[in-house]
Amino acid sequence: MRTSALVVLFLVAGLFLAGCRGAGTANQGGNSRASANTNKADGQLVDLNSATKAQLISLPGIGEAYAQRIIDNRPYREKTDLIRRDIIPEATYREIQEKVIAKHN
């Protein structure tokens, strides 16, 4: 009886670990795609003067309304124009300041 209980315990533990590995692999695949998208946004600065609405919305704290306000008030000489001209709140600017740039064309 004790031996069969140990066998069952090992089988359950093995199945549990196999399930965890499979779930981890699936999550890693999903996370790597999410990481790739995040890295794309983090690795490249978003130009306030030419970014699409979708690119602006990908920034933290920027929704459709703020993205549209950013677009409507172009061009920007400096990224700090966002707060100087009251386009977005200062707290939101602090979240995105390292992710944006104002290029001059």
PDB file of N, CA and C in Angstrom:
ATOM      1  N   MET A   1       0.828  -1.189   0.000  1.00  0.00           N
ATOM      2  CA  MET A   1       0.000   0.000   0.000  1.00  0.00           C
ATOM      3  C   MET A   1       0.871   1.251   0.000  1.00  0.00           C
ATOM      4  N   ARG A   2       1.892   1.242   0.839  1.00  0.00           N
ATOM      5  CA  ARG A   2       2.784   2.389   0.928  1.00  0.00           C
ATOM      6  C   ARG A   2       3.535   2.589  -0.389  1.00  0.00           C
ATOM      7  N   THR A   3       3.942   1.528  -1.043  1.00  0.00           N
ATOM      8  CA  THR A   3       4.659   1.606  -2.310  1.00  0.00           C
ATOM      9  C   THR A   3       3.765   2.184  -3.402  1.00  0.00           C
ATOM     10  N   SER A   4       2.515   1.728  -3.452  1.00  0.00           N
ATOM     11  CA  SER A   4       1.622   2.247  -4.482  1.00  0.00           C
ATOM     12  C   SER A   4       1.291   3.720  -4.233  1.00  0.00           C
ATOM     13  N   ALA A   5       1.251   4.151  -2.998  1.00  0.00           N
ATOM     14  CA  ALA A   5       1.015   5.562  -2.689  1.00  0.00           C
ATOM     15  C   ALA A   5       2.200   6.399  -3.166  1.00  0.00           C
ATOM     16  N   LEU A   6       3.414   5.884  -2.976  1.00  0.00           N
ATOM     17  CA  LEU A   6       4.606   6.592  -3.449  1.00  0.00           C
ATOM     18  C   LEU A   6       4.637   6.665  -4.972  1.00  0.00           C
ATOM     19  N   VAL A   7       4.247   5.580  -5.625  1.00  0.00           N
ATOM     20  CA  VAL A   7       4.217   5.570  -7.090  1.00  0.00           C
ATOM     21  C   VAL A   7       3.232   6.609  -7.594  1.00  0.00           C
ATOM     22  N   VAL A   8       2.056   6.654  -6.979  1.00  0.00           N
ATOM     23  CA  VAL A   8       1.041   7.631  -7.380  1.00  0.00           C
ATOM     24  C   VAL A   8       1.561   9.052  -7.136  1.00  0.00           C
ATOM     25  N   LEU A   9       2.202   9.257  -6.004  1.00  0.00           N
ATOM     26  CA  LEU A   9       2.757  10.570  -5.675  1.00  0.00           C
ATOM     27  C   LEU A   9       3.788  11.001  -6.722  1.00  0.00           C
ATOM     28  N   PHE A  10       4.685  10.102  -7.100  1.00  0.00           N
ATOM     29  CA  PHE A  10       5.692  10.417  -8.111  1.00  0.00           C
ATOM     30  C   PHE A  10       5.061  10.688  -9.476  1.00  0.00           C
ATOM     31  N   LEU A  11       4.032   9.917  -9.817  1.00  0.00           N
ATOM     32  CA  LEU A  11       3.346  10.142 -11.090  1.00  0.00           C
ATOM     33  C   LEU A  11       2.666  11.508 -11.128  1.00  0.00           C
ATOM     34  N   VAL A  12       1.994  11.833 -10.029  1.00  0.00           N
ATOM     35  CA  VAL A  12       1.323  13.134  -9.951  1.00  0.00           C
ATOM     36  C   VAL A  12       2.348  14.258 -10.004  1.00  0.00           C
ATOM     37  N   ALA A  13       3.447  14.105  -9.276  1.00  0.00           N
ATOM     38  CA  ALA A  13       4.498  15.124  -9.292  1.00  0.00           C
ATOM     39  C   ALA A  13       5.091  15.257 -10.688  1.00  0.00           C
ATOM     40  N   GLY A  14       5.316  14.153 -11.364  1.00  0.00           N
ATOM     41  CA  GLY A  14       5.852  14.192 -12.723  1.00  0.00           C
ATOM     42  C   GLY A  14       4.909  14.886 -13.690  1.00  0.00           C
ATOM     43  N   LEU A  15       3.625  14.567 -13.574  1.00  0.00           N
ATOM     44  CA  LEU A  15       2.637  15.214 -14.440  1.00  0.00           C
ATOM     45  C   LEU A  15       2.541  16.711 -14.146  1.00  0.00           C
ATOM     46  N   PHE A  16       2.617  17.045 -12.884  1.00  0.00           N
ATOM     47  CA  PHE A  16       2.572  18.450 -12.496  1.00  0.00           C
ATOM     48  C   PHE A  16       3.760  19.213 -13.083  1.00  0.00           C
ATOM     49  N   LEU A  17       4.938  18.651 -12.939  1.00  0.00           N
ATOM     50  CA  LEU A  17       6.135  19.298 -13.477  1.00  0.00           C
ATOM     51  C   LEU A  17       6.090  19.386 -15.002  1.00  0.00           C
ATOM     52  N   ALA A  18       5.605  18.352 -15.652  1.00  0.00           N
ATOM     53  CA  ALA A  18       5.485  18.375 -17.103  1.00  0.00           C
ATOM     54  C   ALA A  18       4.492  19.452 -17.526  1.00  0.00           C
ATOM     55  N   GLY A  19       3.415  19.584 -16.799  1.00  0.00           N
ATOM     56  CA  GLY A  19       2.429  20.624 -17.094  1.00  0.00           C
ATOM     57  C   GLY A  19       2.999  22.012 -16.882  1.00  0.00           C
ATOM     58  N   CYS A  20       3.785  22.171 -15.845  1.00  0.00           N
ATOM     59  CA  CYS A  20       4.415  23.462 -15.587  1.00  0.00           C
ATOM     60  C   CYS A  20       5.392  23.817 -16.691  1.00  0.00           C
ATOM     61  N   ARG A  21       6.149  22.849 -17.158  1.00  0.00           N
ATOM     62  CA  ARG A  21       7.108  23.110 -18.247  1.00  0.00           C
ATOM     63  C   ARG A  21       6.372  23.512 -19.511  1.00  0.00           C
ATOM     64  N   GLY A  22       5.291  22.815 -19.814  1.00  0.00           N
ATOM     65  CA  GLY A  22       4.515  23.146 -21.013  1.00  0.00           C
ATOM     66  C   GLY A  22       3.894  24.518 -20.903  1.00  0.00           C
ATOM     67  N   ALA A  23       3.337  24.827 -19.724  1.00  0.00           N
ATOM     68  CA  ALA A  23       2.734  26.149 -19.527  1.00  0.00           C
ATOM     69  C   ALA A  23       3.801  27.220 -19.576  1.00  0.00           C
ATOM     70  N   GLY A  24       4.963  26.941 -19.012  1.00  0.00           N
ATOM     71  CA  GLY A  24       6.053  27.912 -19.036  1.00  0.00           C
ATOM     72  C   GLY A  24       6.514  28.186 -20.443  1.00  0.00           C
ATOM     73  N   THR A  25       6.572  27.147 -21.265  1.00  0.00           N
ATOM     74  CA  THR A  25       6.984  27.327 -22.651  1.00  0.00           C
ATOM     75  C   THR A  25       5.958  28.162 -23.398  1.00  0.00           C
ATOM     76  N   ALA A  26       4.689  27.879 -23.159  1.00  0.00           N
ATOM     77  CA  ALA A  26       3.646  28.658 -23.832  1.00  0.00           C
ATOM     78  C   ALA A  26       3.699  30.105 -23.374  1.00  0.00           C
ATOM     79  N   ASN A  27       3.867  30.316 -22.072  1.00  0.00           N
ATOM     80  CA  ASN A  27       3.932  31.681 -21.571  1.00  0.00           C
ATOM     81  C   ASN A  27       5.169  32.396 -22.066  1.00  0.00           C
ATOM     82  N   GLN A  28       6.284  31.678 -22.152  1.00  0.00           N
ATOM     83  CA  GLN A  28       7.490  32.323 -22.640  1.00  0.00           C
ATOM     84  C   GLN A  28       7.293  32.770 -24.069  1.00  0.00           C
ATOM     85  N   GLY A  29       6.648  31.971 -24.884  1.00  0.00           N
ATOM     86  CA  GLY A  29       6.380  32.371 -26.259  1.00  0.00           C
ATOM     87  C   GLY A  29       5.511  33.610 -26.294  1.00  0.00           C
ATOM     88  N   GLY A  30       4.482  33.620 -25.460  1.00  0.00           N
ATOM     89  CA  GLY A  30       3.615  34.787 -25.399  1.00  0.00           C
ATOM     90  C   GLY A  30       4.354  35.987 -24.846  1.00  0.00           C
ATOM     91  N   ASN A  31       5.150  35.770 -23.810  1.00  0.00           N
ATOM     92  CA  ASN A  31       5.886  36.872 -23.222  1.00  0.00           C
ATOM     93  C   ASN A  31       6.949  37.403 -24.158  1.00  0.00           C
ATOM     94  N   SER A  32       7.562  36.525 -24.948  1.00  0.00           N
ATOM     95  CA  SER A  32       8.601  37.020 -25.838  1.00  0.00           C
ATOM     96  C   SER A  32       7.993  37.933 -26.894  1.00  0.00           C
ATOM     97  N   ARG A  33       6.788  37.619 -27.335  1.00  0.00           N
ATOM     98  CA  ARG A  33       6.127  38.521 -28.282  1.00  0.00           C
ATOM     99  C   ARG A  33       5.805  39.838 -27.599  1.00  0.00           C
ATOM    100  N   ALA A  34       5.287  39.756 -26.380  1.00  0.00           N
ATOM    101  CA  ALA A  34       4.991  40.988 -25.648  1.00  0.00           C
ATOM    102  C   ALA A  34       6.280  41.751 -25.375  1.00  0.00           C
ATOM    103  N   SER A  35       7.340  41.033 -25.030  1.00  0.00           N
ATOM    104  CA  SER A  35       8.618  41.688 -24.789  1.00  0.00           C
ATOM    105  C   SER A  35       9.141  42.335 -26.050  1.00  0.00           C
ATOM    106  N   ALA A  36       8.956  41.671 -27.171  1.00  0.00           N
ATOM    107  CA  ALA A  36       9.423  42.238 -28.429  1.00  0.00           C
ATOM    108  C   ALA A  36       8.697  43.546 -28.710  1.00  0.00           C
ATOM    109  N   ASN A  37       7.379  43.568 -28.468  1.00  0.00           N
ATOM    110  CA  ASN A  37       6.629  44.799 -28.678  1.00  0.00           C
ATOM    111  C   ASN A  37       7.064  45.870 -27.696  1.00  0.00           C
ATOM    112  N   THR A  38       7.262  45.492 -26.440  1.00  0.00           N
ATOM    113  CA  THR A  38       7.713  46.437 -25.444  1.00  0.00           C
ATOM    114  C   THR A  38       9.104  46.936 -25.784  1.00  0.00           C
ATOM    115  N   ASN A  39       9.991  46.022 -26.160  1.00  0.00           N
ATOM    116  CA  ASN A  39      11.343  46.426 -26.509  1.00  0.00           C
ATOM    117  C   ASN A  39      11.339  47.333 -27.717  1.00  0.00           C
ATOM    118  N   LYS A  40      10.443  47.085 -28.645  1.00  0.00           N
ATOM    119  CA  LYS A  40      10.365  47.930 -29.823  1.00  0.00           C
ATOM    120  C   LYS A  40      10.012  49.352 -29.388  1.00  0.00           C
ATOM    121  N   ALA A  41       9.018  49.469 -28.491  1.00  0.00           N
ATOM    122  CA  ALA A  41       8.627  50.790 -28.020  1.00  0.00           C
ATOM    123  C   ALA A  41       9.723  51.401 -27.144  1.00  0.00           C
ATOM    124  N   ASP A  42      10.354  50.587 -26.282  1.00  0.00           N
ATOM    125  CA  ASP A  42      11.378  51.088 -25.389  1.00  0.00           C
ATOM    126  C   ASP A  42      12.688  51.364 -26.110  1.00  0.00           C
ATOM    127  N   GLY A  43      13.032  50.533 -27.085  1.00  0.00           N
ATOM    128  CA  GLY A  43      14.317  50.652 -27.747  1.00  0.00           C
ATOM    129  C   GLY A  43      14.374  51.814 -28.715  1.00  0.00           C
ATOM    130  N   GLN A  44      13.252  52.215 -29.261  1.00  0.00           N
ATOM    131  CA  GLN A  44      13.211  53.306 -30.224  1.00  0.00           C
ATOM    132  C   GLN A  44      12.415  54.459 -29.633  1.00  0.00           C
ATOM    133  N   LEU A  45      12.973  55.646 -29.761  1.00  0.00           N
ATOM    134  CA  LEU A  45      12.249  56.815 -29.278  1.00  0.00           C
ATOM    135  C   LEU A  45      11.095  57.127 -30.228  1.00  0.00           C
ATOM    136  N   VAL A  46       9.991  57.551 -29.656  1.00  0.00           N
ATOM    137  CA  VAL A  46       8.819  57.921 -30.442  1.00  0.00           C
ATOM    138  C   VAL A  46       8.925  59.416 -30.746  1.00  0.00           C
ATOM    139  N   ASP A  47       8.899  59.750 -32.020  1.00  0.00           N
ATOM    140  CA  ASP A  47       8.998  61.149 -32.443  1.00  0.00           C
ATOM    141  C   ASP A  47       7.632  61.813 -32.320  1.00  0.00           C
ATOM    142  N   LEU A  48       7.540  62.819 -31.482  1.00  0.00           N
ATOM    143  CA  LEU A  48       6.271  63.501 -31.256  1.00  0.00           C
ATOM    144  C   LEU A  48       5.751  64.179 -32.519  1.00  0.00           C
ATOM    145  N   ASN A  49       6.645  64.551 -33.417  1.00  0.00           N
ATOM    146  CA  ASN A  49       6.243  65.264 -34.618  1.00  0.00           C
ATOM    147  C   ASN A  49       5.803  64.369 -35.773  1.00  0.00           C
ATOM    148  N   SER A  50       6.082  63.082 -35.702  1.00  0.00           N
ATOM    149  CA  SER A  50       5.701  62.213 -36.820  1.00  0.00           C
ATOM    150  C   SER A  50       5.035  60.903 -36.408  1.00  0.00           C
ATOM    151  N   ALA A  51       4.925  60.632 -35.124  1.00  0.00           N
ATOM    152  CA  ALA A  51       4.359  59.363 -34.657  1.00  0.00           C
ATOM    153  C   ALA A  51       2.884  59.249 -35.026  1.00  0.00           C
ATOM    154  N   THR A  52       2.492  58.025 -35.306  1.00  0.00           N
ATOM    155  CA  THR A  52       1.074  57.761 -35.551  1.00  0.00           C
ATOM    156  C   THR A  52       0.329  57.767 -34.217  1.00  0.00           C
ATOM    157  N   LYS A  53      -0.966  57.816 -34.304  1.00  0.00           N
ATOM    158  CA  LYS A  53      -1.784  57.775 -33.090  1.00  0.00           C
ATOM    159  C   LYS A  53      -1.536  56.479 -32.320  1.00  0.00           C
ATOM    160  N   ALA A  54      -1.413  55.375 -33.048  1.00  0.00           N
ATOM    161  CA  ALA A  54      -1.168  54.077 -32.409  1.00  0.00           C
ATOM    162  C   ALA A  54       0.183  54.072 -31.686  1.00  0.00           C
ATOM    163  N   GLN A  55       1.196  54.675 -32.285  1.00  0.00           N
ATOM    164  CA  GLN A  55       2.506  54.734 -31.624  1.00  0.00           C
ATOM    165  C   GLN A  55       2.430  55.562 -30.354  1.00  0.00           C
ATOM    166  N   LEU A  56       1.704  56.653 -30.395  1.00  0.00           N
ATOM    167  CA  LEU A  56       1.562  57.496 -29.207  1.00  0.00           C
ATOM    168  C   LEU A  56       0.788  56.767 -28.111  1.00  0.00           C
ATOM    169  N   ILE A  57      -0.268  56.055 -28.497  1.00  0.00           N
ATOM    170  CA  ILE A  57      -1.073  55.318 -27.520  1.00  0.00           C
ATOM    171  C   ILE A  57      -0.257  54.211 -26.861  1.00  0.00           C
ATOM    172  N   SER A  58       0.768  53.714 -27.535  1.00  0.00           N
ATOM    173  CA  SER A  58       1.602  52.657 -26.947  1.00  0.00           C
ATOM    174  C   SER A  58       2.457  53.168 -25.794  1.00  0.00           C
ATOM    175  N   LEU A  59       2.548  54.481 -25.643  1.00  0.00           N
ATOM    176  CA  LEU A  59       3.319  55.059 -24.543  1.00  0.00           C
ATOM    177  C   LEU A  59       2.514  54.975 -23.244  1.00  0.00           C
ATOM    178  N   PRO A  60       3.188  54.798 -22.108  1.00  0.00           N
ATOM    179  CA  PRO A  60       2.463  54.708 -20.838  1.00  0.00           C
ATOM    180  C   PRO A  60       1.740  56.016 -20.506  1.00  0.00           C
ATOM    181  N   GLY A  61       0.475  55.888 -20.125  1.00  0.00           N
ATOM    182  CA  GLY A  61      -0.310  57.050 -19.717  1.00  0.00           C
ATOM    183  C   GLY A  61      -0.924  57.834 -20.867  1.00  0.00           C
ATOM    184  N   ILE A  62      -0.656  57.414 -22.101  1.00  0.00           N
ATOM    185  CA  ILE A  62      -1.203  58.121 -23.256  1.00  0.00           C
ATOM    186  C   ILE A  62      -2.334  57.283 -23.855  1.00  0.00           C
ATOM    187  N   GLY A  63      -3.522  57.829 -23.793  1.00  0.00           N
ATOM    188  CA  GLY A  63      -4.680  57.173 -24.399  1.00  0.00           C
ATOM    189  C   GLY A  63      -5.051  57.895 -25.683  1.00  0.00           C
ATOM    190  N   GLU A  64      -6.218  57.592 -26.184  1.00  0.00           N
ATOM    191  CA  GLU A  64      -6.648  58.198 -27.452  1.00  0.00           C
ATOM    192  C   GLU A  64      -6.747  59.714 -27.369  1.00  0.00           C
ATOM    193  N   ALA A  65      -7.287  60.218 -26.269  1.00  0.00           N
ATOM    194  CA  ALA A  65      -7.480  61.675 -26.146  1.00  0.00           C
ATOM    195  C   ALA A  65      -6.141  62.412 -26.120  1.00  0.00           C
ATOM    196  N   TYR A  66      -5.199  61.950 -25.292  1.00  0.00           N
ATOM    197  CA  TYR A  66      -3.892  62.605 -25.242  1.00  0.00           C
ATOM    198  C   TYR A  66      -3.144  62.442 -26.560  1.00  0.00           C
ATOM    199  N   ALA A  67      -3.253  61.287 -27.176  1.00  0.00           N
ATOM    200  CA  ALA A  67      -2.587  61.075 -28.465  1.00  0.00           C
ATOM    201  C   ALA A  67      -3.114  62.075 -29.490  1.00  0.00           C
ATOM    202  N   GLN A  68      -4.407  62.268 -29.506  1.00  0.00           N
ATOM    203  CA  GLN A  68      -4.991  63.219 -30.462  1.00  0.00           C
ATOM    204  C   GLN A  68      -4.557  64.643 -30.143  1.00  0.00           C
ATOM    205  N   ARG A  69      -4.484  64.992 -28.876  1.00  0.00           N
ATOM    206  CA  ARG A  69      -4.017  66.340 -28.501  1.00  0.00           C
ATOM    207  C   ARG A  69      -2.571  66.554 -28.934  1.00  0.00           C
ATOM    208  N   ILE A  70      -1.744  65.518 -28.789  1.00  0.00           N
ATOM    209  CA  ILE A  70      -0.348  65.620 -29.221  1.00  0.00           C
ATOM    210  C   ILE A  70      -0.295  65.862 -30.727  1.00  0.00           C
ATOM    211  N   ILE A  71      -1.083  65.118 -31.476  1.00  0.00           N
ATOM    212  CA  ILE A  71      -1.111  65.259 -32.933  1.00  0.00           C
ATOM    213  C   ILE A  71      -1.633  66.639 -33.337  1.00  0.00           C
ATOM    214  N   ASP A  72      -2.703  67.089 -32.692  1.00  0.00           N
ATOM    215  CA  ASP A  72      -3.331  68.362 -33.045  1.00  0.00           C
ATOM    216  C   ASP A  72      -2.443  69.568 -32.765  1.00  0.00           C
ATOM    217  N   ASN A  73      -1.505  69.434 -31.856  1.00  0.00           N
ATOM    218  CA  ASN A  73      -0.672  70.576 -31.462  1.00  0.00           C
ATOM    219  C   ASN A  73       0.737  70.535 -32.032  1.00  0.00           C
ATOM    220  N   ARG A  74       0.957  69.736 -33.056  1.00  0.00           N
ATOM    221  CA  ARG A  74       2.259  69.687 -33.717  1.00  0.00           C
ATOM    222  C   ARG A  74       2.502  70.976 -34.461  1.00  0.00           C
ATOM    223  N   PRO A  75       3.733  71.340 -34.698  1.00  0.00           N
ATOM    224  CA  PRO A  75       5.002  70.682 -34.372  1.00  0.00           C
ATOM    225  C   PRO A  75       5.501  71.085 -32.983  1.00  0.00           C
ATOM    226  N   TYR A  76       6.432  70.291 -32.484  1.00  0.00           N
ATOM    227  CA  TYR A  76       7.076  70.535 -31.196  1.00  0.00           C
ATOM    228  C   TYR A  76       8.551  70.831 -31.431  1.00  0.00           C
ATOM    229  N   ARG A  77       9.042  71.891 -30.797  1.00  0.00           N
ATOM    230  CA  ARG A  77      10.476  72.193 -30.877  1.00  0.00           C
ATOM    231  C   ARG A  77      11.247  71.291 -29.930  1.00  0.00           C
ATOM    232  N   GLU A  78      10.658  71.049 -28.762  1.00  0.00           N
ATOM    233  CA  GLU A  78      11.267  70.207 -27.729  1.00  0.00           C
ATOM    234  C   GLU A  78      10.192  69.332 -27.129  1.00  0.00           C
ATOM    235  N   LYS A  79      10.605  68.202 -26.583  1.00  0.00           N
ATOM    236  CA  LYS A  79       9.607  67.315 -25.972  1.00  0.00           C
ATOM    237  C   LYS A  79       8.958  67.954 -24.755  1.00  0.00           C
ATOM    238  N   THR A  80       9.652  68.870 -24.102  1.00  0.00           N
ATOM    239  CA  THR A  80       9.075  69.547 -22.933  1.00  0.00           C
ATOM    240  C   THR A  80       7.919  70.463 -23.317  1.00  0.00           C
ATOM    241  N   ASP A  81       7.749  70.720 -24.622  1.00  0.00           N
ATOM    242  CA  ASP A  81       6.586  71.490 -25.071  1.00  0.00           C
ATOM    243  C   ASP A  81       5.286  70.825 -24.641  1.00  0.00           C
ATOM    244  N   LEU A  82       5.317  69.513 -24.450  1.00  0.00           N
ATOM    245  CA  LEU A  82       4.108  68.797 -24.029  1.00  0.00           C
ATOM    246  C   LEU A  82       3.558  69.339 -22.720  1.00  0.00           C
ATOM    247  N   ILE A  83       4.436  69.676 -21.787  1.00  0.00           N
ATOM    248  CA  ILE A  83       3.943  70.220 -20.515  1.00  0.00           C
ATOM    249  C   ILE A  83       3.915  71.742 -20.549  1.00  0.00           C
ATOM    250  N   ARG A  84       4.839  72.343 -21.260  1.00  0.00           N
ATOM    251  CA  ARG A  84       4.878  73.806 -21.344  1.00  0.00           C
ATOM    252  C   ARG A  84       3.608  74.336 -21.986  1.00  0.00           C
ATOM    253  N   ARG A  85       3.086  73.609 -22.971  1.00  0.00           N
ATOM    254  CA  ARG A  85       1.874  74.015 -23.693  1.00  0.00           C
ATOM    255  C   ARG A  85       0.613  73.316 -23.162  1.00  0.00           C
ATOM    256  N   ASP A  86       0.721  72.668 -22.008  1.00  0.00           N
ATOM    257  CA  ASP A  86      -0.418  72.000 -21.350  1.00  0.00           C
ATOM    258  C   ASP A  86      -1.114  70.973 -22.240  1.00  0.00           C
ATOM    259  N   ILE A  87      -0.319  70.176 -22.944  1.00  0.00           N
ATOM    260  CA  ILE A  87      -0.869  69.115 -23.787  1.00  0.00           C
ATOM    261  C   ILE A  87      -1.183  67.888 -22.934  1.00  0.00           C
ATOM    262  N   ILE A  88      -0.274  67.542 -22.031  1.00  0.00           N
ATOM    263  CA  ILE A  88      -0.458  66.416 -21.108  1.00  0.00           C
ATOM    264  C   ILE A  88      -0.024  66.861 -19.713  1.00  0.00           C
ATOM    265  N   PRO A  89      -0.488  66.178 -18.681  1.00  0.00           N
ATOM    266  CA  PRO A  89      -0.060  66.515 -17.315  1.00  0.00           C
ATOM    267  C   PRO A  89       1.423  66.184 -17.090  1.00  0.00           C
ATOM    268  N   GLU A  90       2.021  66.873 -16.154  1.00  0.00           N
ATOM    269  CA  GLU A  90       3.434  66.665 -15.855  1.00  0.00           C
ATOM    270  C   GLU A  90       3.723  65.242 -15.391  1.00  0.00           C
ATOM    271  N   ALA A  91       2.813  64.645 -14.637  1.00  0.00           N
ATOM    272  CA  ALA A  91       3.015  63.266 -14.172  1.00  0.00           C
ATOM    273  C   ALA A  91       3.079  62.297 -15.360  1.00  0.00           C
ATOM    274  N   THR A  92       2.253  62.512 -16.355  1.00  0.00           N
ATOM    275  CA  THR A  92       2.276  61.671 -17.552  1.00  0.00           C
ATOM    276  C   THR A  92       3.562  61.911 -18.334  1.00  0.00           C
ATOM    277  N   TYR A  93       3.979  63.162 -18.407  1.00  0.00           N
ATOM    278  CA  TYR A  93       5.234  63.480 -19.104  1.00  0.00           C
ATOM    279  C   TYR A  93       6.406  62.744 -18.459  1.00  0.00           C
ATOM    280  N   ARG A  94       6.431  62.710 -17.135  1.00  0.00           N
ATOM    281  CA  ARG A  94       7.528  62.010 -16.439  1.00  0.00           C
ATOM    282  C   ARG A  94       7.567  60.529 -16.819  1.00  0.00           C
ATOM    283  N   GLU A  95       6.411  59.941 -17.094  1.00  0.00           N
ATOM    284  CA  GLU A  95       6.363  58.529 -17.490  1.00  0.00           C
ATOM    285  C   GLU A  95       6.930  58.299 -18.884  1.00  0.00           C
ATOM    286  N   ILE A  96       6.803  59.287 -19.762  1.00  0.00           N
ATOM    287  CA  ILE A  96       7.194  59.076 -21.158  1.00  0.00           C
ATOM    288  C   ILE A  96       8.447  59.825 -21.580  1.00  0.00           C
ATOM    289  N   GLN A  97       8.986  60.677 -20.746  1.00  0.00           N
ATOM    290  CA  GLN A  97      10.064  61.571 -21.171  1.00  0.00           C
ATOM    291  C   GLN A  97      11.291  60.849 -21.717  1.00  0.00           C
ATOM    292  N   GLU A  98      11.559  59.647 -21.251  1.00  0.00           N
ATOM    293  CA  GLU A  98      12.708  58.891 -21.746  1.00  0.00           C
ATOM    294  C   GLU A  98      12.373  58.090 -23.006  1.00  0.00           C
ATOM    295  N   LYS A  99      11.120  58.138 -23.432  1.00  0.00           N
ATOM    296  CA  LYS A  99      10.674  57.331 -24.573  1.00  0.00           C
ATOM    297  C   LYS A  99      10.333  58.178 -25.800  1.00  0.00           C
ATOM    298  N   VAL A 100      10.390  59.501 -25.652  1.00  0.00           N
ATOM    299  CA  VAL A 100       9.998  60.373 -26.753  1.00  0.00           C
ATOM    300  C   VAL A 100      11.104  61.342 -27.132  1.00  0.00           C
ATOM    301  N   ILE A 101      10.958  61.878 -28.337  1.00  0.00           N
ATOM    302  CA  ILE A 101      11.881  62.875 -28.865  1.00  0.00           C
ATOM    303  C   ILE A 101      11.071  63.791 -29.780  1.00  0.00           C
ATOM    304  N   ALA A 102      11.544  65.013 -29.960  1.00  0.00           N
ATOM    305  CA  ALA A 102      10.909  65.935 -30.893  1.00  0.00           C
ATOM    306  C   ALA A 102      11.917  66.267 -31.986  1.00  0.00           C
ATOM    307  N   LYS A 103      11.851  65.489 -33.067  1.00  0.00           N
ATOM    308  CA  LYS A 103      12.777  65.701 -34.180  1.00  0.00           C
ATOM    309  C   LYS A 103      12.310  66.874 -35.023  1.00  0.00           C
ATOM    310  N   HIS A 104      13.276  67.580 -35.580  1.00  0.00           N
ATOM    311  CA  HIS A 104      12.986  68.693 -36.478  1.00  0.00           C
ATOM    312  C   HIS A 104      13.225  68.219 -37.900  1.00  0.00           C
ATOM    313  N   ASN A 105      12.210  68.312 -38.724  1.00  0.00           N
ATOM    314  CA  ASN A 105      12.327  67.831 -40.104  1.00  0.00           C
ATOM    315  C   ASN A 105      12.813  68.883 -41.032  1.00  0.00           C
TER     316      ASN A 105
END
